[in-house]
Amino acid sequence: MSAAPPRNRREAVADALAHIAPRLPAFEADAVLDRALASPGLRGAAPGTAARLALVAYARHVFTDYDDLLDEGYDRDSARHFVLNDLNATLTAWGAAPIPEEEAEADPEDEPG
């Protein structure tokens, strides 16, 4: 017997997030899920896309020096380049795939978090 399909968007994104980052601690998953659901740029995205982009943005803002670099005057692309190794270390610790350099600049949500 298969599991019932998600009943709402929150469940669908949560299911996708659990699949994308199976070792993500529950308290971090809640924060990523809240970010995915609150972001205007992710409202129309497929659940898996919303989960992945919110996960990357959350990790970038919370677990790297990205915001500090922006505060020091670095542009977004440069700051993202400099934190990529730390970002990928965090993602892989959570069981998520790292992002390649050419995707480091992609982020539909610009708000710091």
PDB file of N, CA and C in Angstrom:
ATOM      1  N   MET A   1       0.840  -1.182   0.000  1.00  0.00           N
ATOM      2  CA  MET A   1       0.000   0.000   0.000  1.00  0.00           C
ATOM      3  C   MET A   1       0.885   1.245   0.000  1.00  0.00           C
ATOM      4  N   SER A   2       0.610   2.165  -0.871  1.00  0.00           N
ATOM      5  CA  SER A   2       1.433   3.375  -0.961  1.00  0.00           C
ATOM      6  C   SER A   2       0.898   4.455  -0.024  1.00  0.00           C
ATOM      7  N   ALA A   3       1.785   5.408   0.290  1.00  0.00           N
ATOM      8  CA  ALA A   3       1.391   6.513   1.160  1.00  0.00           C
ATOM      9  C   ALA A   3       0.400   7.409   0.431  1.00  0.00           C
ATOM     10  N   ALA A   4      -0.460   8.023   1.201  1.00  0.00           N
ATOM     11  CA  ALA A   4      -1.445   8.935   0.618  1.00  0.00           C
ATOM     12  C   ALA A   4      -0.736  10.159   0.064  1.00  0.00           C
ATOM     13  N   PRO A   5      -1.224  10.713  -1.047  1.00  0.00           N
ATOM     14  CA  PRO A   5      -0.601  11.927  -1.594  1.00  0.00           C
ATOM     15  C   PRO A   5      -0.810  13.103  -0.641  1.00  0.00           C
ATOM     16  N   PRO A   6       0.077  14.088  -0.691  1.00  0.00           N
ATOM     17  CA  PRO A   6      -0.067  15.264   0.174  1.00  0.00           C
ATOM     18  C   PRO A   6      -1.412  15.943  -0.052  1.00  0.00           C
ATOM     19  N   ARG A   7      -1.992  16.436   1.029  1.00  0.00           N
ATOM     20  CA  ARG A   7      -3.298  17.083   0.949  1.00  0.00           C
ATOM     21  C   ARG A   7      -3.200  18.576   0.645  1.00  0.00           C
ATOM     22  N   ASN A   8      -2.059  19.185   0.907  1.00  0.00           N
ATOM     23  CA  ASN A   8      -1.936  20.623   0.678  1.00  0.00           C
ATOM     24  C   ASN A   8      -0.490  20.965   0.296  1.00  0.00           C
ATOM     25  N   ARG A   9      -0.278  22.216  -0.044  1.00  0.00           N
ATOM     26  CA  ARG A   9       1.058  22.642  -0.505  1.00  0.00           C
ATOM     27  C   ARG A   9       2.114  22.448   0.568  1.00  0.00           C
ATOM     28  N   ARG A  10       1.802  22.769   1.797  1.00  0.00           N
ATOM     29  CA  ARG A  10       2.779  22.609   2.878  1.00  0.00           C
ATOM     30  C   ARG A  10       3.253  21.151   2.943  1.00  0.00           C
ATOM     31  N   GLU A  11       2.333  20.219   2.900  1.00  0.00           N
ATOM     32  CA  GLU A  11       2.700  18.810   2.942  1.00  0.00           C
ATOM     33  C   GLU A  11       3.512  18.406   1.713  1.00  0.00           C
ATOM     34  N   ALA A  12       3.132  18.923   0.559  1.00  0.00           N
ATOM     35  CA  ALA A  12       3.844  18.577  -0.674  1.00  0.00           C
ATOM     36  C   ALA A  12       5.287  19.082  -0.634  1.00  0.00           C
ATOM     37  N   VAL A  13       5.478  20.310  -0.181  1.00  0.00           N
ATOM     38  CA  VAL A  13       6.834  20.858  -0.091  1.00  0.00           C
ATOM     39  C   VAL A  13       7.614  20.138   1.005  1.00  0.00           C
ATOM     40  N   ALA A  14       6.972  19.838   2.127  1.00  0.00           N
ATOM     41  CA  ALA A  14       7.638  19.106   3.213  1.00  0.00           C
ATOM     42  C   ALA A  14       8.086  17.722   2.740  1.00  0.00           C
ATOM     43  N   ASP A  15       7.234  17.029   1.988  1.00  0.00           N
ATOM     44  CA  ASP A  15       7.599  15.719   1.450  1.00  0.00           C
ATOM     45  C   ASP A  15       8.799  15.834   0.512  1.00  0.00           C
ATOM     46  N   ALA A  16       8.781  16.844  -0.350  1.00  0.00           N
ATOM     47  CA  ALA A  16       9.892  17.057  -1.281  1.00  0.00           C
ATOM     48  C   ALA A  16      11.173  17.377  -0.522  1.00  0.00           C
ATOM     49  N   LEU A  17      11.072  18.210   0.500  1.00  0.00           N
ATOM     50  CA  LEU A  17      12.242  18.591   1.292  1.00  0.00           C
ATOM     51  C   LEU A  17      12.840  17.371   1.993  1.00  0.00           C
ATOM     52  N   ALA A  18      11.991  16.507   2.537  1.00  0.00           N
ATOM     53  CA  ALA A  18      12.475  15.300   3.206  1.00  0.00           C
ATOM     54  C   ALA A  18      13.208  14.388   2.230  1.00  0.00           C
ATOM     55  N   HIS A  19      12.771  14.383   0.996  1.00  0.00           N
ATOM     56  CA  HIS A  19      13.429  13.574  -0.032  1.00  0.00           C
ATOM     57  C   HIS A  19      14.758  14.204  -0.474  1.00  0.00           C
ATOM     58  N   ILE A  20      14.771  15.528  -0.621  1.00  0.00           N
ATOM     59  CA  ILE A  20      15.941  16.260  -1.106  1.00  0.00           C
ATOM     60  C   ILE A  20      17.058  16.304  -0.055  1.00  0.00           C
ATOM     61  N   ALA A  21      16.684  16.464   1.222  1.00  0.00           N
ATOM     62  CA  ALA A  21      17.673  16.603   2.305  1.00  0.00           C
ATOM     63  C   ALA A  21      17.274  15.684   3.462  1.00  0.00           C
ATOM     64  N   PRO A  22      17.496  14.389   3.311  1.00  0.00           N
ATOM     65  CA  PRO A  22      17.002  13.436   4.308  1.00  0.00           C
ATOM     66  C   PRO A  22      17.624  13.569   5.700  1.00  0.00           C
ATOM     67  N   ARG A  23      18.781  14.207   5.830  1.00  0.00           N
ATOM     68  CA  ARG A  23      19.414  14.372   7.146  1.00  0.00           C
ATOM     69  C   ARG A  23      19.214  15.774   7.720  1.00  0.00           C
ATOM     70  N   LEU A  24      18.349  16.562   7.120  1.00  0.00           N
ATOM     71  CA  LEU A  24      18.068  17.906   7.621  1.00  0.00           C
ATOM     72  C   LEU A  24      17.340  17.793   8.963  1.00  0.00           C
ATOM     73  N   PRO A  25      17.886  18.406  10.033  1.00  0.00           N
ATOM     74  CA  PRO A  25      17.198  18.340  11.330  1.00  0.00           C
ATOM     75  C   PRO A  25      15.799  18.952  11.245  1.00  0.00           C
ATOM     76  N   ALA A  26      14.901  18.446  12.056  1.00  0.00           N
ATOM     77  CA  ALA A  26      13.498  18.875  12.006  1.00  0.00           C
ATOM     78  C   ALA A  26      13.339  20.381  12.193  1.00  0.00           C
ATOM     79  N   PHE A  27      14.083  20.974  13.140  1.00  0.00           N
ATOM     80  CA  PHE A  27      13.927  22.413  13.371  1.00  0.00           C
ATOM     81  C   PHE A  27      14.418  23.219  12.173  1.00  0.00           C
ATOM     82  N   GLU A  28      15.428  22.720  11.470  1.00  0.00           N
ATOM     83  CA  GLU A  28      15.890  23.395  10.259  1.00  0.00           C
ATOM     84  C   GLU A  28      14.877  23.182   9.135  1.00  0.00           C
ATOM     85  N   ALA A  29      14.311  21.992   9.056  1.00  0.00           N
ATOM     86  CA  ALA A  29      13.306  21.707   8.022  1.00  0.00           C
ATOM     87  C   ALA A  29      12.107  22.632   8.173  1.00  0.00           C
ATOM     88  N   ASP A  30      11.692  22.880   9.395  1.00  0.00           N
ATOM     89  CA  ASP A  30      10.565  23.795   9.617  1.00  0.00           C
ATOM     90  C   ASP A  30      10.895  25.195   9.111  1.00  0.00           C
ATOM     91  N   ALA A  31      12.113  25.658   9.365  1.00  0.00           N
ATOM     92  CA  ALA A  31      12.522  26.993   8.908  1.00  0.00           C
ATOM     93  C   ALA A  31      12.580  27.057   7.387  1.00  0.00           C
ATOM     94  N   VAL A  32      13.109  26.012   6.762  1.00  0.00           N
ATOM     95  CA  VAL A  32      13.185  25.982   5.296  1.00  0.00           C
ATOM     96  C   VAL A  32      11.782  25.932   4.706  1.00  0.00           C
ATOM     97  N   LEU A  33      10.922  25.127   5.285  1.00  0.00           N
ATOM     98  CA  LEU A  33       9.550  25.016   4.804  1.00  0.00           C
ATOM     99  C   LEU A  33       8.821  26.354   4.921  1.00  0.00           C
ATOM    100  N   ASP A  34       8.975  27.024   6.048  1.00  0.00           N
ATOM    101  CA  ASP A  34       8.355  28.348   6.214  1.00  0.00           C
ATOM    102  C   ASP A  34       8.865  29.316   5.153  1.00  0.00           C
ATOM    103  N   ARG A  35      10.165  29.256   4.869  1.00  0.00           N
ATOM    104  CA  ARG A  35      10.756  30.135   3.857  1.00  0.00           C
ATOM    105  C   ARG A  35      10.171  29.841   2.483  1.00  0.00           C
ATOM    106  N   ALA A  36      10.054  28.559   2.152  1.00  0.00           N
ATOM    107  CA  ALA A  36       9.522  28.163   0.843  1.00  0.00           C
ATOM    108  C   ALA A  36       8.094  28.640   0.662  1.00  0.00           C
ATOM    109  N   LEU A  37       7.305  28.549   1.719  1.00  0.00           N
ATOM    110  CA  LEU A  37       5.891  28.923   1.620  1.00  0.00           C
ATOM    111  C   LEU A  37       5.675  30.426   1.670  1.00  0.00           C
ATOM    112  N   ALA A  38       6.595  31.154   2.282  1.00  0.00           N
ATOM    113  CA  ALA A  38       6.446  32.606   2.411  1.00  0.00           C
ATOM    114  C   ALA A  38       7.028  33.379   1.230  1.00  0.00           C
ATOM    115  N   SER A  39       7.902  32.752   0.470  1.00  0.00           N
ATOM    116  CA  SER A  39       8.589  33.459  -0.610  1.00  0.00           C
ATOM    117  C   SER A  39       7.664  33.687  -1.809  1.00  0.00           C
ATOM    118  N   PRO A  40       7.447  34.946  -2.187  1.00  0.00           N
ATOM    119  CA  PRO A  40       6.623  35.211  -3.367  1.00  0.00           C
ATOM    120  C   PRO A  40       7.201  34.572  -4.631  1.00  0.00           C
ATOM    121  N   GLY A  41       8.514  34.476  -4.716  1.00  0.00           N
ATOM    122  CA  GLY A  41       9.153  33.897  -5.886  1.00  0.00           C
ATOM    123  C   GLY A  41       8.984  32.396  -6.013  1.00  0.00           C
ATOM    124  N   LEU A  42       8.561  31.749  -4.937  1.00  0.00           N
ATOM    125  CA  LEU A  42       8.420  30.290  -4.952  1.00  0.00           C
ATOM    126  C   LEU A  42       6.969  29.823  -4.917  1.00  0.00           C
ATOM    127  N   ARG A  43       6.032  30.737  -4.834  1.00  0.00           N
ATOM    128  CA  ARG A  43       4.608  30.350  -4.714  1.00  0.00           C
ATOM    129  C   ARG A  43       4.115  29.487  -5.866  1.00  0.00           C
ATOM    130  N   GLY A  44       4.533  29.775  -7.073  1.00  0.00           N
ATOM    131  CA  GLY A  44       4.064  29.017  -8.224  1.00  0.00           C
ATOM    132  C   GLY A  44       4.979  27.871  -8.619  1.00  0.00           C
ATOM    133  N   ALA A  45       6.067  27.685  -7.871  1.00  0.00           N
ATOM    134  CA  ALA A  45       7.029  26.638  -8.215  1.00  0.00           C
ATOM    135  C   ALA A  45       6.514  25.267  -7.807  1.00  0.00           C
ATOM    136  N   ALA A  46       6.969  24.261  -8.531  1.00  0.00           N
ATOM    137  CA  ALA A  46       6.662  22.884  -8.152  1.00  0.00           C
ATOM    138  C   ALA A  46       7.208  22.643  -6.745  1.00  0.00           C
ATOM    139  N   PRO A  47       6.582  21.765  -5.972  1.00  0.00           N
ATOM    140  CA  PRO A  47       7.040  21.530  -4.598  1.00  0.00           C
ATOM    141  C   PRO A  47       8.521  21.189  -4.491  1.00  0.00           C
ATOM    142  N   GLY A  48       9.035  20.351  -5.364  1.00  0.00           N
ATOM    143  CA  GLY A  48      10.448  20.002  -5.313  1.00  0.00           C
ATOM    144  C   GLY A  48      11.350  21.174  -5.607  1.00  0.00           C
ATOM    145  N   THR A  49      10.955  22.005  -6.540  1.00  0.00           N
ATOM    146  CA  THR A  49      11.732  23.202  -6.880  1.00  0.00           C
ATOM    147  C   THR A  49      11.701  24.187  -5.720  1.00  0.00           C
ATOM    148  N   ALA A  50      10.531  24.403  -5.150  1.00  0.00           N
ATOM    149  CA  ALA A  50      10.406  25.316  -4.011  1.00  0.00           C
ATOM    150  C   ALA A  50      11.252  24.823  -2.840  1.00  0.00           C
ATOM    151  N   ALA A  51      11.209  23.530  -2.576  1.00  0.00           N
ATOM    152  CA  ALA A  51      11.978  22.969  -1.463  1.00  0.00           C
ATOM    153  C   ALA A  51      13.474  23.149  -1.700  1.00  0.00           C
ATOM    154  N   ARG A  52      13.937  22.836  -2.885  1.00  0.00           N
ATOM    155  CA  ARG A  52      15.373  22.931  -3.190  1.00  0.00           C
ATOM    156  C   ARG A  52      15.867  24.375  -3.119  1.00  0.00           C
ATOM    157  N   LEU A  53      15.146  25.296  -3.752  1.00  0.00           N
ATOM    158  CA  LEU A  53      15.593  26.690  -3.753  1.00  0.00           C
ATOM    159  C   LEU A  53      15.539  27.303  -2.362  1.00  0.00           C
ATOM    160  N   ALA A  54      14.515  26.971  -1.591  1.00  0.00           N
ATOM    161  CA  ALA A  54      14.425  27.477  -0.223  1.00  0.00           C
ATOM    162  C   ALA A  54      15.539  26.888   0.640  1.00  0.00           C
ATOM    163  N   LEU A  55      15.855  25.618   0.438  1.00  0.00           N
ATOM    164  CA  LEU A  55      16.938  24.978   1.177  1.00  0.00           C
ATOM    165  C   LEU A  55      18.266  25.669   0.901  1.00  0.00           C
ATOM    166  N   VAL A  56      18.544  25.911  -0.361  1.00  0.00           N
ATOM    167  CA  VAL A  56      19.804  26.567  -0.738  1.00  0.00           C
ATOM    168  C   VAL A  56      19.860  27.986  -0.169  1.00  0.00           C
ATOM    169  N   ALA A  57      18.780  28.735  -0.299  1.00  0.00           N
ATOM    170  CA  ALA A  57      18.767  30.104   0.219  1.00  0.00           C
ATOM    171  C   ALA A  57      18.929  30.119   1.739  1.00  0.00           C
ATOM    172  N   TYR A  58      18.231  29.227   2.422  1.00  0.00           N
ATOM    173  CA  TYR A  58      18.333  29.153   3.877  1.00  0.00           C
ATOM    174  C   TYR A  58      19.765  28.836   4.301  1.00  0.00           C
ATOM    175  N   ALA A  59      20.342  27.823   3.709  1.00  0.00           N
ATOM    176  CA  ALA A  59      21.715  27.445   4.060  1.00  0.00           C
ATOM    177  C   ALA A  59      22.687  28.586   3.765  1.00  0.00           C
ATOM    178  N   ARG A  60      22.500  29.256   2.650  1.00  0.00           N
ATOM    179  CA  ARG A  60      23.397  30.358   2.269  1.00  0.00           C
ATOM    180  C   ARG A  60      23.331  31.486   3.295  1.00  0.00           C
ATOM    181  N   HIS A  61      22.129  31.853   3.710  1.00  0.00           N
ATOM    182  CA  HIS A  61      21.971  32.984   4.626  1.00  0.00           C
ATOM    183  C   HIS A  61      22.314  32.638   6.074  1.00  0.00           C
ATOM    184  N   VAL A  62      22.055  31.403   6.484  1.00  0.00           N
ATOM    185  CA  VAL A  62      22.220  31.034   7.895  1.00  0.00           C
ATOM    186  C   VAL A  62      23.568  30.379   8.191  1.00  0.00           C
ATOM    187  N   PHE A  63      24.115  29.625   7.265  1.00  0.00           N
ATOM    188  CA  PHE A  63      25.302  28.830   7.541  1.00  0.00           C
ATOM    189  C   PHE A  63      26.565  29.279   6.812  1.00  0.00           C
ATOM    190  N   THR A  64      26.518  30.436   6.174  1.00  0.00           N
ATOM    191  CA  THR A  64      27.711  30.977   5.515  1.00  0.00           C
ATOM    192  C   THR A  64      27.854  32.453   5.873  1.00  0.00           C
ATOM    193  N   ASP A  65      28.939  33.047   5.401  1.00  0.00           N
ATOM    194  CA  ASP A  65      29.193  34.472   5.624  1.00  0.00           C
ATOM    195  C   ASP A  65      28.589  35.351   4.527  1.00  0.00           C
ATOM    196  N   TYR A  66      27.641  34.815   3.791  1.00  0.00           N
ATOM    197  CA  TYR A  66      27.061  35.521   2.644  1.00  0.00           C
ATOM    198  C   TYR A  66      26.576  36.927   3.013  1.00  0.00           C
ATOM    199  N   ASP A  67      25.757  37.041   4.033  1.00  0.00           N
ATOM    200  CA  ASP A  67      25.208  38.355   4.394  1.00  0.00           C
ATOM    201  C   ASP A  67      26.305  39.312   4.859  1.00  0.00           C
ATOM    202  N   ASP A  68      27.304  38.788   5.572  1.00  0.00           N
ATOM    203  CA  ASP A  68      28.427  39.627   5.992  1.00  0.00           C
ATOM    204  C   ASP A  68      29.178  40.168   4.780  1.00  0.00           C
ATOM    205  N   LEU A  69      29.384  39.314   3.782  1.00  0.00           N
ATOM    206  CA  LEU A  69      30.075  39.768   2.565  1.00  0.00           C
ATOM    207  C   LEU A  69      29.278  40.850   1.844  1.00  0.00           C
ATOM    208  N   LEU A  70      27.953  40.677   1.785  1.00  0.00           N
ATOM    209  CA  LEU A  70      27.119  41.723   1.181  1.00  0.00           C
ATOM    210  C   LEU A  70      27.247  43.025   1.958  1.00  0.00           C
ATOM    211  N   ASP A  71      27.250  42.920   3.295  1.00  0.00           N
ATOM    212  CA  ASP A  71      27.391  44.110   4.136  1.00  0.00           C
ATOM    213  C   ASP A  71      28.744  44.797   3.934  1.00  0.00           C
ATOM    214  N   GLU A  72      29.753  44.004   3.559  1.00  0.00           N
ATOM    215  CA  GLU A  72      31.083  44.562   3.317  1.00  0.00           C
ATOM    216  C   GLU A  72      31.210  45.169   1.924  1.00  0.00           C
ATOM    217  N   GLY A  73      30.169  45.062   1.114  1.00  0.00           N
ATOM    218  CA  GLY A  73      30.184  45.692  -0.198  1.00  0.00           C
ATOM    219  C   GLY A  73      30.366  44.763  -1.374  1.00  0.00           C
ATOM    220  N   TYR A  74      30.483  43.473  -1.129  1.00  0.00           N
ATOM    221  CA  TYR A  74      30.594  42.537  -2.246  1.00  0.00           C
ATOM    222  C   TYR A  74      29.265  42.466  -2.983  1.00  0.00           C
ATOM    223  N   ASP A  75      29.313  42.289  -4.296  1.00  0.00           N
ATOM    224  CA  ASP A  75      28.078  42.088  -5.045  1.00  0.00           C
ATOM    225  C   ASP A  75      27.609  40.647  -4.816  1.00  0.00           C
ATOM    226  N   ARG A  76      26.344  40.376  -5.152  1.00  0.00           N
ATOM    227  CA  ARG A  76      25.750  39.053  -4.900  1.00  0.00           C
ATOM    228  C   ARG A  76      26.537  37.924  -5.544  1.00  0.00           C
ATOM    229  N   ASP A  77      26.906  38.077  -6.802  1.00  0.00           N
ATOM    230  CA  ASP A  77      27.611  36.997  -7.487  1.00  0.00           C
ATOM    231  C   ASP A  77      28.952  36.691  -6.817  1.00  0.00           C
ATOM    232  N   SER A  78      29.689  37.721  -6.441  1.00  0.00           N
ATOM    233  CA  SER A  78      30.976  37.508  -5.771  1.00  0.00           C
ATOM    234  C   SER A  78      30.781  36.857  -4.409  1.00  0.00           C
ATOM    235  N   ALA A  79      29.831  37.359  -3.641  1.00  0.00           N
ATOM    236  CA  ALA A  79      29.568  36.791  -2.317  1.00  0.00           C
ATOM    237  C   ALA A  79      29.169  35.321  -2.438  1.00  0.00           C
ATOM    238  N   ARG A  80      28.325  35.009  -3.419  1.00  0.00           N
ATOM    239  CA  ARG A  80      27.906  33.618  -3.609  1.00  0.00           C
ATOM    240  C   ARG A  80      29.076  32.737  -4.015  1.00  0.00           C
ATOM    241  N   HIS A  81      29.967  33.270  -4.810  1.00  0.00           N
ATOM    242  CA  HIS A  81      31.166  32.520  -5.201  1.00  0.00           C
ATOM    243  C   HIS A  81      32.016  32.199  -3.967  1.00  0.00           C
ATOM    244  N   PHE A  82      32.223  33.185  -3.110  1.00  0.00           N
ATOM    245  CA  PHE A  82      33.092  32.996  -1.954  1.00  0.00           C
ATOM    246  C   PHE A  82      32.515  32.052  -0.902  1.00  0.00           C
ATOM    247  N   VAL A  83      31.208  31.899  -0.834  1.00  0.00           N
ATOM    248  CA  VAL A  83      30.608  31.017   0.179  1.00  0.00           C
ATOM    249  C   VAL A  83      30.220  29.652  -0.380  1.00  0.00           C
ATOM    250  N   LEU A  84      30.471  29.412  -1.645  1.00  0.00           N
ATOM    251  CA  LEU A  84      30.001  28.178  -2.279  1.00  0.00           C
ATOM    252  C   LEU A  84      30.503  26.920  -1.578  1.00  0.00           C
ATOM    253  N   ASN A  85      31.769  26.872  -1.191  1.00  0.00           N
ATOM    254  CA  ASN A  85      32.288  25.673  -0.523  1.00  0.00           C
ATOM    255  C   ASN A  85      31.584  25.429   0.812  1.00  0.00           C
ATOM    256  N   ASP A  86      31.392  26.477   1.600  1.00  0.00           N
ATOM    257  CA  ASP A  86      30.682  26.327   2.876  1.00  0.00           C
ATOM    258  C   ASP A  86      29.224  25.923   2.644  1.00  0.00           C
ATOM    259  N   LEU A  87      28.607  26.519   1.655  1.00  0.00           N
ATOM    260  CA  LEU A  87      27.229  26.180   1.317  1.00  0.00           C
ATOM    261  C   LEU A  87      27.119  24.704   0.945  1.00  0.00           C
ATOM    262  N   ASN A  88      27.998  24.258   0.080  1.00  0.00           N
ATOM    263  CA  ASN A  88      27.946  22.864  -0.355  1.00  0.00           C
ATOM    264  C   ASN A  88      28.273  21.894   0.779  1.00  0.00           C
ATOM    265  N   ALA A  89      29.133  22.276   1.696  1.00  0.00           N
ATOM    266  CA  ALA A  89      29.421  21.425   2.855  1.00  0.00           C
ATOM    267  C   ALA A  89      28.171  21.253   3.708  1.00  0.00           C
ATOM    268  N   THR A  90      27.422  22.321   3.875  1.00  0.00           N
ATOM    269  CA  THR A  90      26.180  22.256   4.639  1.00  0.00           C
ATOM    270  C   THR A  90      25.161  21.390   3.922  1.00  0.00           C
ATOM    271  N   LEU A  91      24.980  21.621   2.638  1.00  0.00           N
ATOM    272  CA  LEU A  91      24.007  20.832   1.875  1.00  0.00           C
ATOM    273  C   LEU A  91      24.333  19.344   1.925  1.00  0.00           C
ATOM    274  N   THR A  92      25.579  18.995   1.704  1.00  0.00           N
ATOM    275  CA  THR A  92      25.934  17.574   1.684  1.00  0.00           C
ATOM    276  C   THR A  92      25.818  16.950   3.076  1.00  0.00           C
ATOM    277  N   ALA A  93      26.061  17.726   4.137  1.00  0.00           N
ATOM    278  CA  ALA A  93      25.867  17.212   5.490  1.00  0.00           C
ATOM    279  C   ALA A  93      24.401  16.838   5.722  1.00  0.00           C
ATOM    280  N   TRP A  94      23.510  17.537   5.058  1.00  0.00           N
ATOM    281  CA  TRP A  94      22.077  17.260   5.175  1.00  0.00           C
ATOM    282  C   TRP A  94      21.605  16.186   4.194  1.00  0.00           C
ATOM    283  N   GLY A  95      22.523  15.654   3.408  1.00  0.00           N
ATOM    284  CA  GLY A  95      22.161  14.633   2.432  1.00  0.00           C
ATOM    285  C   GLY A  95      21.664  15.191   1.121  1.00  0.00           C
ATOM    286  N   ALA A  96      21.826  16.496   0.921  1.00  0.00           N
ATOM    287  CA  ALA A  96      21.375  17.154  -0.306  1.00  0.00           C
ATOM    288  C   ALA A  96      22.528  17.258  -1.302  1.00  0.00           C
ATOM    289  N   ALA A  97      22.177  17.334  -2.561  1.00  0.00           N
ATOM    290  CA  ALA A  97      23.184  17.492  -3.608  1.00  0.00           C
ATOM    291  C   ALA A  97      23.800  18.888  -3.533  1.00  0.00           C
ATOM    292  N   PRO A  98      25.114  18.979  -3.736  1.00  0.00           N
ATOM    293  CA  PRO A  98      25.752  20.297  -3.790  1.00  0.00           C
ATOM    294  C   PRO A  98      25.344  21.023  -5.063  1.00  0.00           C
ATOM    295  N   ILE A  99      25.573  22.326  -5.076  1.00  0.00           N
ATOM    296  CA  ILE A  99      25.268  23.080  -6.288  1.00  0.00           C
ATOM    297  C   ILE A  99      26.570  23.407  -7.012  1.00  0.00           C
ATOM    298  N   PRO A 100      26.557  23.286  -8.330  1.00  0.00           N
ATOM    299  CA  PRO A 100      27.762  23.628  -9.097  1.00  0.00           C
ATOM    300  C   PRO A 100      27.950  25.140  -9.167  1.00  0.00           C
ATOM    301  N   GLU A 101      29.166  25.542  -9.441  1.00  0.00           N
ATOM    302  CA  GLU A 101      29.522  26.966  -9.512  1.00  0.00           C
ATOM    303  C   GLU A 101      28.583  27.752 -10.433  1.00  0.00           C
ATOM    304  N   GLU A 102      28.238  27.181 -11.581  1.00  0.00           N
ATOM    305  CA  GLU A 102      27.413  27.928 -12.540  1.00  0.00           C
ATOM    306  C   GLU A 102      25.989  28.158 -12.047  1.00  0.00           C
ATOM    307  N   GLU A 103      25.559  27.445 -11.024  1.00  0.00           N
ATOM    308  CA  GLU A 103      24.230  27.667 -10.463  1.00  0.00           C
ATOM    309  C   GLU A 103      24.272  28.504  -9.193  1.00  0.00           C
ATOM    310  N   ALA A 104      25.444  28.885  -8.734  1.00  0.00           N
ATOM    311  CA  ALA A 104      25.573  29.591  -7.463  1.00  0.00           C
ATOM    312  C   ALA A 104      24.849  30.930  -7.461  1.00  0.00           C
ATOM    313  N   GLU A 105      24.671  31.539  -8.624  1.00  0.00           N
ATOM    314  CA  GLU A 105      24.024  32.846  -8.685  1.00  0.00           C
ATOM    315  C   GLU A 105      22.500  32.758  -8.730  1.00  0.00           C
ATOM    316  N   ALA A 106      21.937  31.576  -8.952  1.00  0.00           N
ATOM    317  CA  ALA A 106      20.486  31.431  -9.092  1.00  0.00           C
ATOM    318  C   ALA A 106      19.807  31.444  -7.731  1.00  0.00           C
ATOM    319  N   ASP A 107      18.922  32.391  -7.512  1.00  0.00           N
ATOM    320  CA  ASP A 107      18.159  32.478  -6.265  1.00  0.00           C
ATOM    321  C   ASP A 107      16.976  33.404  -6.497  1.00  0.00           C
ATOM    322  N   PRO A 108      15.752  32.877  -6.572  1.00  0.00           N
ATOM    323  CA  PRO A 108      14.605  33.726  -6.845  1.00  0.00           C
ATOM    324  C   PRO A 108      14.189  34.603  -5.690  1.00  0.00           C
ATOM    325  N   GLU A 109      14.749  34.366  -4.529  1.00  0.00           N
ATOM    326  CA  GLU A 109      14.379  35.193  -3.398  1.00  0.00           C
ATOM    327  C   GLU A 109      15.581  35.988  -2.924  1.00  0.00           C
ATOM    328  N   ASP A 110      15.479  37.280  -2.965  1.00  0.00           N
ATOM    329  CA  ASP A 110      16.602  38.146  -2.633  1.00  0.00           C
ATOM    330  C   ASP A 110      16.622  38.562  -1.180  1.00  0.00           C
ATOM    331  N   GLU A 111      15.531  38.366  -0.464  1.00  0.00           N
ATOM    332  CA  GLU A 111      15.467  38.869   0.888  1.00  0.00           C
ATOM    333  C   GLU A 111      16.420  38.100   1.795  1.00  0.00           C
ATOM    334  N   PRO A 112      17.149  38.782   2.658  1.00  0.00           N
ATOM    335  CA  PRO A 112      18.022  38.093   3.606  1.00  0.00           C
ATOM    336  C   PRO A 112      17.181  37.312   4.597  1.00  0.00           C
ATOM    337  N   GLY A 113      17.720  36.265   5.106  1.00  0.00           N
ATOM    338  CA  GLY A 113      16.935  35.478   6.006  1.00  0.00           C
ATOM    339  C   GLY A 113      17.700  34.968   7.122  1.00  0.00           C
TER     340      GLY A 113
END
